[in-house]
Amino acid sequence: MKLIIGNKNYSSWSLRGWLAAKQSGLHFEEITVPMKGEEWERAKHDEMQPSSGKVPILWDGETVIWDSLAIMEYLADKVGRDRFWPKEDTARGMARAMVAEMHSSYLSLRREMPMNIRRRAQLGDVTDETRHDIVRILGLWAEARARHGKGGPFLFGTFGAADIFYAPVVSRFITYGIGVPGFAQSYMQAVWEHDWMRNWIEAAENEQWVIEQYETVM
């Protein structure tokens, strides 16, 4: 398999696709295409053409899957869904709903707080929409941890689909110094110190590419 991703410092959807591929346990070749450059423009008309020039995109022989949620579901079908989702029905139902909401919502948070792993900035006043997004996410984290998180430090105990999809939010909260309650701090630390996240963070910190529009958000 071949997974094409964008800059590790900025590409939140690439992080989700990459974590899903790591969670599958399957071997894959990782190809990073720096966004906004000549290589990106070439790849949009080549390996990334099926996704209309977006990342992540997974090639598995003649099969091509784009969109991080579709990639995760494809991999879950290959290796067994229990590797990604809680086994108990109630927990699995909540995890699915949380992942779907993350996939389709929080547009204000995404716009005002773009992922930038290397950066540390104190965010100024945020819009009511972004504040609502933050409160909603913290509420979901609290409910998942209280109801289903007894088996470990992650949202549903062990690392899985929900953590994969909320990992970029953890990064955003750290980048912009968002104050969170103690349970959320503990959860964020568990995600941030996960071996795969540490590998991603180290690679992001060593990247030389800079996209100015993501460096000036306050």
N, C-alpha and C. Protein backbone atom coordinates (compact mmCIF):
# COMPACT_ATOMS: atom_id res chain seq x y z
N MET A 1 0.84 -1.19 0.00
CA MET A 1 0.00 0.00 0.00
C MET A 1 0.88 1.25 0.00
N LYS A 2 0.32 2.32 -0.54
CA LYS A 2 1.03 3.59 -0.63
C LYS A 2 0.09 4.69 -0.14
N LEU A 3 0.52 5.42 0.89
CA LEU A 3 -0.27 6.51 1.46
C LEU A 3 0.39 7.84 1.12
N ILE A 4 -0.33 8.70 0.43
CA ILE A 4 0.17 10.02 0.06
C ILE A 4 -0.42 11.04 1.02
N ILE A 5 0.46 11.82 1.65
CA ILE A 5 0.05 12.82 2.63
C ILE A 5 0.68 14.16 2.31
N GLY A 6 0.16 15.22 2.96
CA GLY A 6 0.74 16.54 2.83
C GLY A 6 1.71 16.82 3.97
N ASN A 7 2.08 18.09 4.12
CA ASN A 7 3.02 18.49 5.16
C ASN A 7 2.54 18.02 6.53
N LYS A 8 3.43 17.41 7.29
CA LYS A 8 3.05 16.91 8.61
C LYS A 8 2.78 18.05 9.59
N ASN A 9 3.38 19.19 9.36
CA ASN A 9 3.15 20.31 10.27
C ASN A 9 1.75 20.87 10.15
N TYR A 10 1.17 20.84 8.96
CA TYR A 10 -0.08 21.55 8.72
C TYR A 10 -1.29 20.66 8.39
N SER A 11 -1.07 19.47 7.87
CA SER A 11 -2.17 18.71 7.27
C SER A 11 -2.85 17.81 8.29
N SER A 12 -3.96 18.29 8.84
CA SER A 12 -4.69 17.54 9.85
C SER A 12 -5.32 16.27 9.27
N TRP A 13 -5.85 16.36 8.06
CA TRP A 13 -6.47 15.18 7.47
C TRP A 13 -5.42 14.12 7.15
N SER A 14 -4.22 14.55 6.77
CA SER A 14 -3.14 13.59 6.54
C SER A 14 -2.79 12.85 7.83
N LEU A 15 -2.78 13.59 8.95
CA LEU A 15 -2.49 12.95 10.24
C LEU A 15 -3.51 11.86 10.53
N ARG A 16 -4.77 12.13 10.27
CA ARG A 16 -5.80 11.12 10.53
C ARG A 16 -5.58 9.89 9.65
N GLY A 17 -5.34 10.11 8.38
CA GLY A 17 -5.12 8.97 7.48
C GLY A 17 -3.90 8.17 7.86
N TRP A 18 -2.84 8.86 8.27
CA TRP A 18 -1.59 8.19 8.65
C TRP A 18 -1.77 7.39 9.93
N LEU A 19 -2.44 7.97 10.93
CA LEU A 19 -2.69 7.24 12.17
C LEU A 19 -3.56 6.01 11.91
N ALA A 20 -4.53 6.15 11.00
CA ALA A 20 -5.37 5.01 10.66
C ALA A 20 -4.53 3.90 10.03
N ALA A 21 -3.61 4.27 9.16
CA ALA A 21 -2.74 3.27 8.53
C ALA A 21 -1.85 2.61 9.57
N LYS A 22 -1.32 3.37 10.51
CA LYS A 22 -0.51 2.79 11.58
C LYS A 22 -1.35 1.86 12.46
N GLN A 23 -2.56 2.28 12.77
CA GLN A 23 -3.43 1.46 13.62
C GLN A 23 -3.78 0.14 12.95
N SER A 24 -3.82 0.12 11.63
CA SER A 24 -4.16 -1.13 10.93
C SER A 24 -3.10 -2.21 11.12
N GLY A 25 -1.86 -1.81 11.37
CA GLY A 25 -0.78 -2.76 11.50
C GLY A 25 -0.25 -3.26 10.17
N LEU A 26 -0.81 -2.78 9.06
CA LEU A 26 -0.38 -3.20 7.73
C LEU A 26 0.81 -2.37 7.27
N HIS A 27 1.67 -2.97 6.46
CA HIS A 27 2.81 -2.23 5.91
C HIS A 27 2.32 -1.27 4.83
N PHE A 28 2.84 -0.06 4.85
CA PHE A 28 2.51 0.90 3.80
C PHE A 28 3.70 1.82 3.55
N GLU A 29 3.80 2.26 2.31
CA GLU A 29 4.81 3.24 1.94
C GLU A 29 4.23 4.63 2.14
N GLU A 30 4.97 5.48 2.81
CA GLU A 30 4.52 6.85 3.10
C GLU A 30 5.18 7.83 2.14
N ILE A 31 4.39 8.63 1.46
CA ILE A 31 4.90 9.61 0.51
C ILE A 31 4.37 10.98 0.91
N THR A 32 5.27 11.89 1.29
CA THR A 32 4.88 13.24 1.66
C THR A 32 5.06 14.17 0.46
N VAL A 33 4.00 14.87 0.11
CA VAL A 33 4.04 15.84 -0.98
C VAL A 33 3.83 17.23 -0.37
N PRO A 34 4.84 18.10 -0.39
CA PRO A 34 4.70 19.42 0.22
C PRO A 34 3.61 20.24 -0.46
N MET A 35 2.71 20.77 0.34
CA MET A 35 1.58 21.52 -0.19
C MET A 35 2.03 22.85 -0.79
N LYS A 36 1.31 23.28 -1.81
CA LYS A 36 1.44 24.60 -2.44
C LYS A 36 2.63 24.73 -3.39
N GLY A 37 3.48 23.70 -3.52
CA GLY A 37 4.66 23.82 -4.37
C GLY A 37 4.48 23.13 -5.72
N GLU A 38 5.57 23.09 -6.49
CA GLU A 38 5.54 22.48 -7.81
C GLU A 38 5.22 21.00 -7.74
N GLU A 39 5.81 20.30 -6.75
CA GLU A 39 5.55 18.87 -6.61
C GLU A 39 4.08 18.61 -6.32
N TRP A 40 3.47 19.50 -5.54
CA TRP A 40 2.04 19.39 -5.24
C TRP A 40 1.21 19.52 -6.51
N GLU A 41 1.54 20.51 -7.32
CA GLU A 41 0.79 20.73 -8.55
C GLU A 41 0.92 19.54 -9.50
N ARG A 42 2.11 18.95 -9.55
CA ARG A 42 2.29 17.77 -10.41
C ARG A 42 1.48 16.60 -9.88
N ALA A 43 1.55 16.36 -8.54
CA ALA A 43 0.86 15.21 -7.95
C ALA A 43 -0.65 15.33 -8.10
N LYS A 44 -1.18 16.57 -8.12
CA LYS A 44 -2.63 16.75 -8.27
C LYS A 44 -3.14 16.15 -9.57
N HIS A 45 -2.27 16.08 -10.55
CA HIS A 45 -2.67 15.54 -11.86
C HIS A 45 -2.15 14.12 -12.08
N ASP A 46 -1.56 13.55 -11.03
CA ASP A 46 -0.99 12.21 -11.15
C ASP A 46 -1.55 11.32 -10.04
N GLU A 47 -0.76 11.03 -8.99
CA GLU A 47 -1.20 10.12 -7.94
C GLU A 47 -2.42 10.62 -7.18
N MET A 48 -2.61 11.96 -7.12
CA MET A 48 -3.71 12.52 -6.36
C MET A 48 -4.91 12.86 -7.24
N GLN A 49 -4.84 12.55 -8.49
CA GLN A 49 -5.93 12.90 -9.41
C GLN A 49 -7.27 12.28 -9.00
N PRO A 50 -7.31 11.01 -8.56
CA PRO A 50 -8.60 10.44 -8.18
C PRO A 50 -9.31 11.19 -7.06
N SER A 51 -8.54 11.85 -6.18
CA SER A 51 -9.13 12.58 -5.05
C SER A 51 -9.35 14.04 -5.39
N SER A 52 -9.22 14.39 -6.65
CA SER A 52 -9.32 15.79 -7.08
C SER A 52 -8.25 16.65 -6.41
N GLY A 53 -7.06 16.04 -6.22
CA GLY A 53 -5.92 16.78 -5.71
C GLY A 53 -5.91 16.99 -4.22
N LYS A 54 -6.53 16.09 -3.44
CA LYS A 54 -6.56 16.24 -2.00
C LYS A 54 -5.85 15.07 -1.32
N VAL A 55 -5.36 15.33 -0.10
CA VAL A 55 -4.73 14.29 0.71
C VAL A 55 -5.54 14.12 1.99
N PRO A 56 -5.44 12.93 2.61
CA PRO A 56 -4.63 11.77 2.21
C PRO A 56 -5.32 10.96 1.13
N ILE A 57 -4.54 10.16 0.45
CA ILE A 57 -5.07 9.24 -0.54
C ILE A 57 -4.26 7.95 -0.46
N LEU A 58 -4.96 6.84 -0.41
CA LEU A 58 -4.34 5.53 -0.23
C LEU A 58 -4.50 4.70 -1.50
N TRP A 59 -3.36 4.19 -1.97
CA TRP A 59 -3.36 3.26 -3.10
C TRP A 59 -3.03 1.87 -2.57
N ASP A 60 -3.88 0.91 -2.88
CA ASP A 60 -3.66 -0.49 -2.51
C ASP A 60 -3.79 -1.31 -3.77
N GLY A 61 -2.68 -1.45 -4.49
CA GLY A 61 -2.73 -2.07 -5.80
C GLY A 61 -3.54 -1.20 -6.74
N GLU A 62 -4.58 -1.76 -7.33
CA GLU A 62 -5.45 -1.01 -8.23
C GLU A 62 -6.57 -0.27 -7.50
N THR A 63 -6.67 -0.52 -6.20
CA THR A 63 -7.72 0.13 -5.41
C THR A 63 -7.21 1.47 -4.90
N VAL A 64 -8.02 2.50 -5.01
CA VAL A 64 -7.63 3.82 -4.53
C VAL A 64 -8.74 4.35 -3.63
N ILE A 65 -8.34 4.85 -2.44
CA ILE A 65 -9.29 5.36 -1.47
C ILE A 65 -8.82 6.74 -1.03
N TRP A 66 -9.69 7.70 -1.09
CA TRP A 66 -9.37 9.03 -0.58
C TRP A 66 -10.36 9.38 0.53
N ASP A 67 -10.07 10.44 1.24
CA ASP A 67 -10.84 10.87 2.42
C ASP A 67 -10.42 10.01 3.61
N SER A 68 -10.04 10.68 4.70
CA SER A 68 -9.47 9.97 5.84
C SER A 68 -10.45 8.98 6.47
N LEU A 69 -11.73 9.32 6.52
CA LEU A 69 -12.70 8.40 7.11
C LEU A 69 -12.87 7.16 6.23
N ALA A 70 -12.92 7.36 4.92
CA ALA A 70 -13.03 6.22 4.02
C ALA A 70 -11.79 5.33 4.11
N ILE A 71 -10.61 5.96 4.25
CA ILE A 71 -9.37 5.19 4.40
C ILE A 71 -9.43 4.34 5.67
N MET A 72 -9.87 4.94 6.76
CA MET A 72 -9.93 4.19 8.02
C MET A 72 -10.92 3.03 7.91
N GLU A 73 -12.07 3.27 7.31
CA GLU A 73 -13.06 2.20 7.18
C GLU A 73 -12.56 1.09 6.25
N TYR A 74 -11.87 1.45 5.19
CA TYR A 74 -11.30 0.45 4.29
C TYR A 74 -10.30 -0.43 5.03
N LEU A 75 -9.44 0.20 5.81
CA LEU A 75 -8.44 -0.55 6.57
C LEU A 75 -9.09 -1.41 7.64
N ALA A 76 -10.15 -0.90 8.28
CA ALA A 76 -10.86 -1.68 9.28
C ALA A 76 -11.48 -2.93 8.67
N ASP A 77 -11.98 -2.80 7.44
CA ASP A 77 -12.53 -3.97 6.75
C ASP A 77 -11.44 -5.02 6.49
N LYS A 78 -10.21 -4.57 6.26
CA LYS A 78 -9.13 -5.49 5.95
C LYS A 78 -8.61 -6.23 7.18
N VAL A 79 -8.57 -5.55 8.31
CA VAL A 79 -7.90 -6.13 9.48
C VAL A 79 -8.85 -6.49 10.62
N GLY A 80 -10.10 -6.10 10.51
CA GLY A 80 -11.05 -6.36 11.59
C GLY A 80 -11.44 -5.06 12.28
N ARG A 81 -12.74 -4.84 12.43
CA ARG A 81 -13.22 -3.55 12.91
C ARG A 81 -12.90 -3.32 14.39
N ASP A 82 -12.70 -4.40 15.15
CA ASP A 82 -12.40 -4.24 16.57
C ASP A 82 -11.05 -3.58 16.80
N ARG A 83 -10.20 -3.56 15.79
CA ARG A 83 -8.91 -2.88 15.95
C ARG A 83 -9.11 -1.36 16.04
N PHE A 84 -10.22 -0.87 15.49
CA PHE A 84 -10.48 0.57 15.45
C PHE A 84 -11.60 1.02 16.38
N TRP A 85 -12.62 0.17 16.56
CA TRP A 85 -13.83 0.58 17.25
C TRP A 85 -14.01 -0.21 18.54
N PRO A 86 -14.64 0.42 19.55
CA PRO A 86 -14.94 -0.33 20.78
C PRO A 86 -15.79 -1.56 20.50
N LYS A 87 -15.63 -2.58 21.30
CA LYS A 87 -16.37 -3.82 21.08
C LYS A 87 -17.81 -3.72 21.56
N GLU A 88 -18.04 -3.00 22.65
CA GLU A 88 -19.37 -2.91 23.23
C GLU A 88 -20.25 -1.99 22.38
N ASP A 89 -21.50 -2.37 22.16
CA ASP A 89 -22.37 -1.67 21.22
C ASP A 89 -22.59 -0.20 21.56
N THR A 90 -22.86 0.09 22.84
CA THR A 90 -23.12 1.47 23.23
C THR A 90 -21.90 2.36 23.02
N ALA A 91 -20.74 1.84 23.41
CA ALA A 91 -19.50 2.59 23.22
C ALA A 91 -19.19 2.76 21.74
N ARG A 92 -19.39 1.71 20.96
CA ARG A 92 -19.11 1.78 19.52
C ARG A 92 -20.04 2.80 18.85
N GLY A 93 -21.30 2.81 19.28
CA GLY A 93 -22.24 3.77 18.71
C GLY A 93 -21.81 5.20 18.98
N MET A 94 -21.37 5.48 20.20
CA MET A 94 -20.93 6.84 20.53
C MET A 94 -19.66 7.19 19.77
N ALA A 95 -18.73 6.24 19.69
CA ALA A 95 -17.49 6.50 18.97
C ALA A 95 -17.77 6.82 17.51
N ARG A 96 -18.67 6.09 16.89
CA ARG A 96 -19.02 6.35 15.49
C ARG A 96 -19.61 7.74 15.33
N ALA A 97 -20.51 8.11 16.23
CA ALA A 97 -21.14 9.42 16.16
C ALA A 97 -20.10 10.54 16.34
N MET A 98 -19.17 10.35 17.29
CA MET A 98 -18.14 11.37 17.51
C MET A 98 -17.22 11.52 16.30
N VAL A 99 -16.85 10.41 15.69
CA VAL A 99 -16.00 10.47 14.51
C VAL A 99 -16.73 11.15 13.37
N ALA A 100 -17.99 10.80 13.16
CA ALA A 100 -18.76 11.42 12.08
C ALA A 100 -18.91 12.92 12.31
N GLU A 101 -19.13 13.33 13.56
CA GLU A 101 -19.26 14.76 13.87
C GLU A 101 -17.95 15.49 13.62
N MET A 102 -16.84 14.88 14.02
CA MET A 102 -15.54 15.49 13.76
C MET A 102 -15.29 15.63 12.27
N HIS A 103 -15.71 14.64 11.52
CA HIS A 103 -15.47 14.62 10.08
C HIS A 103 -16.26 15.70 9.35
N SER A 104 -17.43 16.04 9.88
CA SER A 104 -18.33 16.93 9.13
C SER A 104 -18.55 18.29 9.77
N SER A 105 -18.03 18.52 10.96
CA SER A 105 -18.39 19.72 11.72
C SER A 105 -17.15 20.53 12.12
N TYR A 106 -17.38 21.48 13.02
CA TYR A 106 -16.32 22.31 13.62
C TYR A 106 -15.59 23.16 12.57
N LEU A 107 -16.33 23.69 11.62
CA LEU A 107 -15.71 24.46 10.55
C LEU A 107 -15.10 25.75 11.08
N SER A 108 -15.72 26.37 12.07
CA SER A 108 -15.19 27.61 12.62
C SER A 108 -13.86 27.36 13.32
N LEU A 109 -13.79 26.29 14.11
CA LEU A 109 -12.54 25.94 14.79
C LEU A 109 -11.44 25.67 13.77
N ARG A 110 -11.76 24.93 12.72
CA ARG A 110 -10.75 24.63 11.69
C ARG A 110 -10.23 25.92 11.05
N ARG A 111 -11.15 26.87 10.80
CA ARG A 111 -10.77 28.10 10.12
C ARG A 111 -9.93 29.01 11.02
N GLU A 112 -10.32 29.16 12.27
CA GLU A 112 -9.63 30.08 13.17
C GLU A 112 -8.38 29.47 13.81
N MET A 113 -8.31 28.14 13.84
CA MET A 113 -7.20 27.47 14.52
C MET A 113 -6.60 26.39 13.61
N PRO A 114 -5.99 26.78 12.49
CA PRO A 114 -5.40 25.76 11.60
C PRO A 114 -4.29 24.99 12.32
N MET A 115 -4.15 23.71 11.97
CA MET A 115 -3.12 22.91 12.61
C MET A 115 -1.73 23.43 12.24
N ASN A 116 -0.90 23.58 13.25
CA ASN A 116 0.48 24.03 13.06
C ASN A 116 1.27 23.50 14.24
N ILE A 117 1.82 22.31 14.08
CA ILE A 117 2.44 21.60 15.20
C ILE A 117 3.63 22.36 15.77
N ARG A 118 4.39 23.04 14.92
CA ARG A 118 5.60 23.72 15.39
C ARG A 118 5.31 25.00 16.16
N ARG A 119 4.16 25.56 15.97
CA ARG A 119 3.88 26.90 16.48
C ARG A 119 3.31 26.86 17.90
N ARG A 120 3.61 27.93 18.67
CA ARG A 120 2.96 28.17 19.95
C ARG A 120 2.53 29.63 19.96
N ALA A 121 1.23 29.86 20.06
CA ALA A 121 0.70 31.22 20.02
C ALA A 121 -0.51 31.31 20.94
N GLN A 122 -0.63 32.43 21.64
CA GLN A 122 -1.80 32.65 22.48
C GLN A 122 -2.89 33.23 21.60
N LEU A 123 -3.94 32.47 21.42
CA LEU A 123 -5.02 32.90 20.55
C LEU A 123 -5.78 34.06 21.20
N GLY A 124 -6.08 35.07 20.38
CA GLY A 124 -6.87 36.19 20.88
C GLY A 124 -8.34 35.80 21.00
N ASP A 125 -9.20 36.79 20.96
CA ASP A 125 -10.63 36.51 21.05
C ASP A 125 -11.06 35.63 19.89
N VAL A 126 -11.86 34.63 20.18
CA VAL A 126 -12.38 33.75 19.15
C VAL A 126 -13.86 34.05 18.95
N THR A 127 -14.38 33.67 17.83
CA THR A 127 -15.79 33.89 17.57
C THR A 127 -16.64 32.99 18.47
N ASP A 128 -17.91 33.36 18.57
CA ASP A 128 -18.83 32.54 19.35
C ASP A 128 -18.92 31.13 18.77
N GLU A 129 -18.84 31.04 17.44
CA GLU A 129 -18.92 29.73 16.79
C GLU A 129 -17.74 28.83 17.19
N THR A 130 -16.54 29.40 17.22
CA THR A 130 -15.37 28.61 17.62
C THR A 130 -15.43 28.25 19.09
N ARG A 131 -15.89 29.18 19.92
CA ARG A 131 -16.03 28.88 21.34
C ARG A 131 -17.03 27.75 21.54
N HIS A 132 -18.10 27.77 20.77
CA HIS A 132 -19.08 26.68 20.84
C HIS A 132 -18.46 25.35 20.43
N ASP A 133 -17.64 25.38 19.38
CA ASP A 133 -16.96 24.15 18.93
C ASP A 133 -16.09 23.58 20.05
N ILE A 134 -15.32 24.46 20.70
CA ILE A 134 -14.42 24.01 21.77
C ILE A 134 -15.21 23.39 22.92
N VAL A 135 -16.26 24.07 23.34
CA VAL A 135 -17.08 23.56 24.45
C VAL A 135 -17.72 22.23 24.07
N ARG A 136 -18.21 22.13 22.84
CA ARG A 136 -18.83 20.89 22.39
C ARG A 136 -17.83 19.73 22.41
N ILE A 137 -16.63 19.96 21.91
CA ILE A 137 -15.61 18.90 21.88
C ILE A 137 -15.24 18.46 23.29
N LEU A 138 -15.04 19.43 24.19
CA LEU A 138 -14.68 19.08 25.57
C LEU A 138 -15.81 18.30 26.24
N GLY A 139 -17.05 18.64 25.92
CA GLY A 139 -18.18 17.91 26.47
C GLY A 139 -18.21 16.46 25.98
N LEU A 140 -17.94 16.27 24.70
CA LEU A 140 -17.90 14.91 24.15
C LEU A 140 -16.76 14.11 24.77
N TRP A 141 -15.60 14.74 24.90
CA TRP A 141 -14.47 14.05 25.53
C TRP A 141 -14.83 13.62 26.95
N ALA A 142 -15.46 14.53 27.70
CA ALA A 142 -15.81 14.23 29.09
C ALA A 142 -16.78 13.05 29.17
N GLU A 143 -17.79 13.05 28.28
CA GLU A 143 -18.78 11.97 28.31
C GLU A 143 -18.15 10.64 27.92
N ALA A 144 -17.32 10.64 26.87
CA ALA A 144 -16.67 9.40 26.45
C ALA A 144 -15.77 8.85 27.54
N ARG A 145 -14.98 9.71 28.16
CA ARG A 145 -14.08 9.25 29.21
C ARG A 145 -14.87 8.72 30.42
N ALA A 146 -15.94 9.44 30.80
CA ALA A 146 -16.70 9.04 31.98
C ALA A 146 -17.45 7.73 31.76
N ARG A 147 -18.00 7.56 30.57
CA ARG A 147 -18.85 6.39 30.31
C ARG A 147 -18.07 5.17 29.83
N HIS A 148 -17.01 5.43 29.06
CA HIS A 148 -16.38 4.31 28.35
C HIS A 148 -14.85 4.30 28.44
N GLY A 149 -14.26 5.17 29.23
CA GLY A 149 -12.81 5.30 29.23
C GLY A 149 -12.09 4.60 30.35
N LYS A 150 -12.74 3.68 31.03
CA LYS A 150 -12.13 3.06 32.22
C LYS A 150 -10.93 2.17 31.87
N GLY A 151 -10.84 1.69 30.62
CA GLY A 151 -9.80 0.72 30.29
C GLY A 151 -8.46 1.31 29.88
N GLY A 152 -8.30 2.62 29.97
CA GLY A 152 -7.04 3.24 29.57
C GLY A 152 -7.19 4.75 29.49
N PRO A 153 -6.16 5.46 28.99
CA PRO A 153 -6.17 6.92 29.02
C PRO A 153 -6.85 7.59 27.84
N PHE A 154 -7.36 6.80 26.90
CA PHE A 154 -7.91 7.40 25.68
C PHE A 154 -9.43 7.51 25.78
N LEU A 155 -10.07 8.07 24.77
CA LEU A 155 -11.49 8.41 24.87
C LEU A 155 -12.34 7.20 25.21
N PHE A 156 -12.04 6.06 24.62
CA PHE A 156 -12.78 4.83 24.90
C PHE A 156 -11.87 3.78 25.52
N GLY A 157 -10.92 4.25 26.30
CA GLY A 157 -9.99 3.36 26.99
C GLY A 157 -8.73 3.14 26.19
N THR A 158 -8.81 2.30 25.17
CA THR A 158 -7.65 2.03 24.33
C THR A 158 -7.69 2.92 23.09
N PHE A 159 -6.54 3.14 22.49
CA PHE A 159 -6.41 4.02 21.33
C PHE A 159 -7.22 3.44 20.17
N GLY A 160 -8.01 4.31 19.52
CA GLY A 160 -8.84 3.83 18.43
C GLY A 160 -9.31 4.94 17.52
N ALA A 161 -10.39 4.69 16.81
CA ALA A 161 -10.87 5.60 15.76
C ALA A 161 -11.13 7.00 16.28
N ALA A 162 -11.77 7.13 17.43
CA ALA A 162 -12.09 8.45 17.95
C ALA A 162 -10.83 9.25 18.25
N ASP A 163 -9.83 8.61 18.81
CA ASP A 163 -8.56 9.30 19.10
C ASP A 163 -7.86 9.71 17.82
N ILE A 164 -7.93 8.86 16.80
CA ILE A 164 -7.34 9.18 15.51
C ILE A 164 -7.96 10.46 14.96
N PHE A 165 -9.27 10.59 15.08
CA PHE A 165 -9.94 11.74 14.48
C PHE A 165 -9.85 13.00 15.32
N TYR A 166 -9.66 12.87 16.61
CA TYR A 166 -9.52 14.06 17.46
C TYR A 166 -8.07 14.42 17.74
N ALA A 167 -7.11 13.64 17.25
CA ALA A 167 -5.69 13.97 17.46
C ALA A 167 -5.33 15.36 16.93
N PRO A 168 -5.79 15.77 15.74
CA PRO A 168 -5.46 17.13 15.29
C PRO A 168 -6.07 18.22 16.18
N VAL A 169 -7.20 17.94 16.83
CA VAL A 169 -7.77 18.90 17.77
C VAL A 169 -6.86 19.05 18.98
N VAL A 170 -6.32 17.92 19.46
CA VAL A 170 -5.34 17.99 20.54
C VAL A 170 -4.19 18.90 20.14
N SER A 171 -3.70 18.73 18.93
CA SER A 171 -2.61 19.58 18.44
C SER A 171 -3.01 21.04 18.41
N ARG A 172 -4.19 21.33 17.93
CA ARG A 172 -4.66 22.72 17.87
C ARG A 172 -4.76 23.33 19.26
N PHE A 173 -5.32 22.59 20.21
CA PHE A 173 -5.46 23.12 21.56
C PHE A 173 -4.09 23.43 22.16
N ILE A 174 -3.10 22.60 21.87
CA ILE A 174 -1.74 22.85 22.37
C ILE A 174 -1.12 24.05 21.66
N THR A 175 -1.25 24.12 20.35
CA THR A 175 -0.67 25.22 19.58
C THR A 175 -1.17 26.57 20.06
N TYR A 176 -2.48 26.69 20.30
CA TYR A 176 -3.08 27.99 20.59
C TYR A 176 -3.37 28.20 22.07
N GLY A 177 -2.81 27.34 22.92
CA GLY A 177 -2.90 27.54 24.36
C GLY A 177 -4.32 27.56 24.90
N ILE A 178 -5.17 26.69 24.39
CA ILE A 178 -6.56 26.64 24.86
C ILE A 178 -6.61 26.02 26.25
N GLY A 179 -7.19 26.73 27.20
CA GLY A 179 -7.31 26.22 28.55
C GLY A 179 -8.36 25.13 28.61
N VAL A 180 -8.01 23.99 29.19
CA VAL A 180 -8.93 22.86 29.28
C VAL A 180 -8.92 22.32 30.71
N PRO A 181 -9.98 21.64 31.12
CA PRO A 181 -10.00 21.05 32.47
C PRO A 181 -9.02 19.91 32.60
N GLY A 182 -8.81 19.48 33.84
CA GLY A 182 -7.77 18.48 34.13
C GLY A 182 -7.93 17.18 33.38
N PHE A 183 -9.16 16.67 33.26
CA PHE A 183 -9.34 15.39 32.57
C PHE A 183 -8.91 15.51 31.12
N ALA A 184 -9.18 16.68 30.50
CA ALA A 184 -8.80 16.89 29.10
C ALA A 184 -7.29 17.05 28.96
N GLN A 185 -6.66 17.68 29.94
CA GLN A 185 -5.20 17.77 29.93
C GLN A 185 -4.58 16.39 29.96
N SER A 186 -5.11 15.51 30.79
CA SER A 186 -4.57 14.14 30.88
C SER A 186 -4.78 13.39 29.56
N TYR A 187 -5.95 13.55 28.98
CA TYR A 187 -6.21 12.89 27.71
C TYR A 187 -5.29 13.42 26.62
N MET A 188 -5.15 14.74 26.54
CA MET A 188 -4.29 15.34 25.52
C MET A 188 -2.84 14.88 25.69
N GLN A 189 -2.38 14.77 26.91
CA GLN A 189 -1.02 14.30 27.16
C GLN A 189 -0.85 12.87 26.66
N ALA A 190 -1.87 12.02 26.89
CA ALA A 190 -1.79 10.63 26.42
C ALA A 190 -1.69 10.57 24.91
N VAL A 191 -2.46 11.39 24.22
CA VAL A 191 -2.39 11.43 22.76
C VAL A 191 -1.05 11.97 22.30
N TRP A 192 -0.62 13.08 22.89
CA TRP A 192 0.62 13.75 22.47
C TRP A 192 1.84 12.87 22.69
N GLU A 193 1.79 12.01 23.69
CA GLU A 193 2.95 11.16 24.02
C GLU A 193 2.84 9.76 23.41
N HIS A 194 1.79 9.50 22.68
CA HIS A 194 1.68 8.22 21.97
C HIS A 194 2.84 8.09 21.00
N ASP A 195 3.41 6.90 20.89
CA ASP A 195 4.61 6.71 20.06
C ASP A 195 4.40 7.20 18.63
N TRP A 196 3.25 6.91 18.04
CA TRP A 196 3.02 7.34 16.65
C TRP A 196 2.93 8.86 16.56
N MET A 197 2.29 9.49 17.54
CA MET A 197 2.23 10.95 17.53
C MET A 197 3.61 11.56 17.71
N ARG A 198 4.41 10.95 18.58
CA ARG A 198 5.77 11.48 18.77
C ARG A 198 6.56 11.41 17.46
N ASN A 199 6.39 10.32 16.73
CA ASN A 199 7.07 10.20 15.43
C ASN A 199 6.60 11.27 14.46
N TRP A 200 5.29 11.50 14.43
CA TRP A 200 4.72 12.51 13.53
C TRP A 200 5.21 13.91 13.92
N ILE A 201 5.18 14.21 15.22
CA ILE A 201 5.60 15.52 15.71
C ILE A 201 7.06 15.78 15.38
N GLU A 202 7.91 14.80 15.61
CA GLU A 202 9.33 14.96 15.31
C GLU A 202 9.55 15.25 13.83
N ALA A 203 8.83 14.51 12.97
CA ALA A 203 8.96 14.75 11.53
C ALA A 203 8.45 16.14 11.17
N ALA A 204 7.35 16.57 11.78
CA ALA A 204 6.81 17.91 11.51
C ALA A 204 7.79 18.99 11.92
N GLU A 205 8.43 18.79 13.05
CA GLU A 205 9.38 19.80 13.54
C GLU A 205 10.62 19.89 12.66
N ASN A 206 10.93 18.82 11.96
CA ASN A 206 12.12 18.79 11.10
C ASN A 206 11.83 19.20 9.66
N GLU A 207 10.57 19.41 9.32
CA GLU A 207 10.23 19.85 7.96
C GLU A 207 10.76 21.25 7.72
N GLN A 208 11.18 21.50 6.49
CA GLN A 208 11.71 22.81 6.12
C GLN A 208 10.66 23.69 5.45
N TRP A 209 9.55 23.11 5.04
CA TRP A 209 8.54 23.88 4.31
C TRP A 209 7.75 24.79 5.26
N VAL A 210 7.48 26.00 4.80
CA VAL A 210 6.70 26.96 5.57
C VAL A 210 5.58 27.51 4.68
N ILE A 211 4.37 27.52 5.17
CA ILE A 211 3.24 28.11 4.46
C ILE A 211 2.78 29.31 5.27
N GLU A 212 3.04 30.51 4.77
CA GLU A 212 2.88 31.73 5.52
C GLU A 212 1.46 31.94 6.01
N GLN A 213 0.46 31.56 5.22
CA GLN A 213 -0.92 31.82 5.62
C GLN A 213 -1.30 31.08 6.89
N TYR A 214 -0.58 30.01 7.22
CA TYR A 214 -0.85 29.28 8.45
C TYR A 214 0.03 29.75 9.61
N GLU A 215 0.91 30.67 9.34
CA GLU A 215 1.83 31.15 10.36
C GLU A 215 1.39 32.50 10.95
N THR A 216 0.40 33.11 10.36
CA THR A 216 0.02 34.47 10.76
C THR A 216 -1.33 34.52 11.45
N VAL A 217 -1.98 33.39 11.63
CA VAL A 217 -3.28 33.36 12.29
C VAL A 217 -3.09 33.68 13.77
N MET A 218 -3.91 34.58 14.29
CA MET A 218 -3.86 34.94 15.71
C MET A 218 -5.27 34.90 16.30
